[in-house]
Amino acid sequence: MATLKPGLGKRVASMPEVNEAIHEEALRRSYKIRAAASGHILTGEFQRSIKVVKAPGPHRRQDWLIAINHPWAVSINWGHIDWKTGRPIRGIHAIEKGLYA
């Protein structure tokens, strides 16, 4: 039966090739999210706010995140209630389309 050396996962995750592959995957998914968000262009701010960034902190050296820092990102993506009419407004679900498509 095979056994793994302790700390092997950390070693593999620290390899530059692995880091690059994770970064490329995050970029690929961010492009899909941007494409899904392209149908919701009022000013383009939501789409421009989608970025790939390195996770903060020393223990997250190899992690990449897709960050959306638009102030209405939650309402745009998942929907909301129109404050004037009280009607539900459907979200565009760009995050889900980008991650699971």
C-alpha atoms as a PDB file:
ATOM      1  CA  MET A   1       0.000   0.000   0.000  1.00  0.00           C
ATOM      2  CA  ALA A   2       1.311   3.428  -0.921  1.00  0.00           C
ATOM      3  CA  THR A   3       1.955   6.050   1.711  1.00  0.00           C
ATOM      4  CA  LEU A   4       2.387   9.768   1.273  1.00  0.00           C
ATOM      5  CA  LYS A   5       5.019  11.838   2.934  1.00  0.00           C
ATOM      6  CA  PRO A   6       3.699  14.368   5.428  1.00  0.00           C
ATOM      7  CA  GLY A   7       3.546  17.858   3.924  1.00  0.00           C
ATOM      8  CA  LEU A   8       3.506  16.589   0.342  1.00  0.00           C
ATOM      9  CA  GLY A   9       0.290  18.463  -0.463  1.00  0.00           C
ATOM     10  CA  LYS A  10       1.809  21.728   0.715  1.00  0.00           C
ATOM     11  CA  ARG A  11       4.896  21.071  -1.369  1.00  0.00           C
ATOM     12  CA  VAL A  12       2.893  20.359  -4.516  1.00  0.00           C
ATOM     13  CA  ALA A  13       0.672  23.410  -3.947  1.00  0.00           C
ATOM     14  CA  SER A  14       3.780  25.585  -3.684  1.00  0.00           C
ATOM     15  CA  MET A  15       5.121  24.536  -7.077  1.00  0.00           C
ATOM     16  CA  PRO A  16       5.145  27.416  -9.595  1.00  0.00           C
ATOM     17  CA  GLU A  17       3.464  25.223 -12.228  1.00  0.00           C
ATOM     18  CA  VAL A  18       0.555  24.466  -9.882  1.00  0.00           C
ATOM     19  CA  ASN A  19       0.225  28.132  -8.955  1.00  0.00           C
ATOM     20  CA  GLU A  20       0.142  29.069 -12.654  1.00  0.00           C
ATOM     21  CA  ALA A  21      -2.509  26.413 -13.387  1.00  0.00           C
ATOM     22  CA  ILE A  22      -4.704  27.697 -10.560  1.00  0.00           C
ATOM     23  CA  HIS A  23      -4.279  31.268 -11.787  1.00  0.00           C
ATOM     24  CA  GLU A  24      -5.192  30.269 -15.350  1.00  0.00           C
ATOM     25  CA  GLU A  25      -8.308  28.448 -14.142  1.00  0.00           C
ATOM     26  CA  ALA A  26      -9.394  31.496 -12.143  1.00  0.00           C
ATOM     27  CA  LEU A  27      -8.884  33.679 -15.228  1.00  0.00           C
ATOM     28  CA  ARG A  28     -10.862  31.251 -17.414  1.00  0.00           C
ATOM     29  CA  ARG A  29     -13.772  31.286 -14.983  1.00  0.00           C
ATOM     30  CA  SER A  30     -13.646  35.066 -14.617  1.00  0.00           C
ATOM     31  CA  TYR A  31     -13.980  35.375 -18.417  1.00  0.00           C
ATOM     32  CA  LYS A  32     -17.080  33.169 -18.276  1.00  0.00           C
ATOM     33  CA  ILE A  33     -18.566  35.327 -15.512  1.00  0.00           C
ATOM     34  CA  ARG A  34     -17.833  38.483 -17.520  1.00  0.00           C
ATOM     35  CA  ALA A  35     -19.442  36.933 -20.588  1.00  0.00           C
ATOM     36  CA  ALA A  36     -22.545  36.004 -18.599  1.00  0.00           C
ATOM     37  CA  ALA A  37     -22.654  39.534 -17.168  1.00  0.00           C
ATOM     38  CA  SER A  38     -22.400  41.128 -20.609  1.00  0.00           C
ATOM     39  CA  GLY A  39     -26.183  40.953 -20.982  1.00  0.00           C
ATOM     40  CA  HIS A  40     -26.552  43.254 -17.986  1.00  0.00           C
ATOM     41  CA  ILE A  41     -24.786  46.380 -19.137  1.00  0.00           C
ATOM     42  CA  LEU A  42     -26.164  49.626 -17.909  1.00  0.00           C
ATOM     43  CA  THR A  43     -22.834  51.356 -17.391  1.00  0.00           C
ATOM     44  CA  GLY A  44     -20.438  48.414 -17.571  1.00  0.00           C
ATOM     45  CA  GLU A  45     -19.374  48.928 -13.952  1.00  0.00           C
ATOM     46  CA  PHE A  46     -20.525  45.490 -12.815  1.00  0.00           C
ATOM     47  CA  GLN A  47     -18.595  43.734 -15.552  1.00  0.00           C
ATOM     48  CA  ARG A  48     -15.470  45.856 -14.957  1.00  0.00           C
ATOM     49  CA  SER A  49     -15.557  45.061 -11.235  1.00  0.00           C
ATOM     50  CA  ILE A  50     -14.900  41.338 -11.898  1.00  0.00           C
ATOM     51  CA  LYS A  51     -11.209  40.713 -11.232  1.00  0.00           C
ATOM     52  CA  VAL A  52      -8.860  37.848 -10.418  1.00  0.00           C
ATOM     53  CA  VAL A  53      -6.801  38.645  -7.325  1.00  0.00           C
ATOM     54  CA  LYS A  54      -4.376  36.808  -5.072  1.00  0.00           C
ATOM     55  CA  ALA A  55      -5.870  35.796  -1.757  1.00  0.00           C
ATOM     56  CA  PRO A  56      -4.531  37.917   1.110  1.00  0.00           C
ATOM     57  CA  GLY A  57      -2.424  36.577   3.943  1.00  0.00           C
ATOM     58  CA  PRO A  58       0.825  34.635   4.174  1.00  0.00           C
ATOM     59  CA  HIS A  59      -0.911  31.250   4.327  1.00  0.00           C
ATOM     60  CA  ARG A  60      -2.727  31.926   1.032  1.00  0.00           C
ATOM     61  CA  ARG A  61       0.306  32.426  -1.204  1.00  0.00           C
ATOM     62  CA  GLN A  62      -1.002  30.140  -3.943  1.00  0.00           C
ATOM     63  CA  ASP A  63      -4.713  30.927  -3.834  1.00  0.00           C
ATOM     64  CA  TRP A  64      -6.457  33.063  -6.434  1.00  0.00           C
ATOM     65  CA  LEU A  65      -9.928  34.567  -6.050  1.00  0.00           C
ATOM     66  CA  ILE A  66     -12.493  35.956  -8.435  1.00  0.00           C
ATOM     67  CA  ALA A  67     -13.535  39.175  -6.751  1.00  0.00           C
ATOM     68  CA  ILE A  68     -16.572  41.227  -7.682  1.00  0.00           C
ATOM     69  CA  ASN A  69     -16.549  44.506  -5.809  1.00  0.00           C
ATOM     70  CA  HIS A  70     -19.500  46.288  -7.331  1.00  0.00           C
ATOM     71  CA  PRO A  71     -21.758  47.710  -4.591  1.00  0.00           C
ATOM     72  CA  TRP A  72     -24.834  46.037  -6.064  1.00  0.00           C
ATOM     73  CA  ALA A  73     -23.219  42.728  -7.014  1.00  0.00           C
ATOM     74  CA  VAL A  74     -25.514  40.637  -4.804  1.00  0.00           C
ATOM     75  CA  SER A  75     -28.674  42.286  -6.122  1.00  0.00           C
ATOM     76  CA  ILE A  76     -27.521  42.104  -9.732  1.00  0.00           C
ATOM     77  CA  ASN A  77     -26.499  38.475  -9.515  1.00  0.00           C
ATOM     78  CA  TRP A  78     -29.260  36.984  -7.339  1.00  0.00           C
ATOM     79  CA  GLY A  79     -32.066  39.489  -7.747  1.00  0.00           C
ATOM     80  CA  HIS A  80     -33.913  41.895  -5.484  1.00  0.00           C
ATOM     81  CA  ILE A  81     -37.252  43.543  -4.820  1.00  0.00           C
ATOM     82  CA  ASP A  82     -37.928  46.755  -6.730  1.00  0.00           C
ATOM     83  CA  TRP A  83     -38.358  49.420  -4.078  1.00  0.00           C
ATOM     84  CA  LYS A  84     -40.858  51.392  -6.161  1.00  0.00           C
ATOM     85  CA  THR A  85     -43.218  48.610  -7.227  1.00  0.00           C
ATOM     86  CA  GLY A  86     -42.481  45.861  -4.710  1.00  0.00           C
ATOM     87  CA  ARG A  87     -42.031  43.404  -7.578  1.00  0.00           C
ATOM     88  CA  PRO A  88     -39.225  40.885  -7.629  1.00  0.00           C
ATOM     89  CA  ILE A  89     -36.416  41.558 -10.117  1.00  0.00           C
ATOM     90  CA  ARG A  90     -34.673  38.449 -11.345  1.00  0.00           C
ATOM     91  CA  GLY A  91     -30.928  38.235 -11.014  1.00  0.00           C
ATOM     92  CA  ILE A  92     -28.648  37.499 -13.950  1.00  0.00           C
ATOM     93  CA  HIS A  93     -26.857  34.607 -12.144  1.00  0.00           C
ATOM     94  CA  ALA A  94     -23.562  35.416 -13.849  1.00  0.00           C
ATOM     95  CA  ILE A  95     -21.539  33.820 -11.055  1.00  0.00           C
ATOM     96  CA  GLU A  96     -23.316  30.498 -11.376  1.00  0.00           C
ATOM     97  CA  LYS A  97     -23.138  30.569 -15.172  1.00  0.00           C
ATOM     98  CA  GLY A  98     -19.446  31.341 -15.024  1.00  0.00           C
ATOM     99  CA  LEU A  99     -18.551  28.698 -12.484  1.00  0.00           C
ATOM    100  CA  TYR A 100     -20.764  25.823 -13.540  1.00  0.00           C
ATOM    101  CA  ALA A 101     -21.137  26.341 -17.270  1.00  0.00           C
END
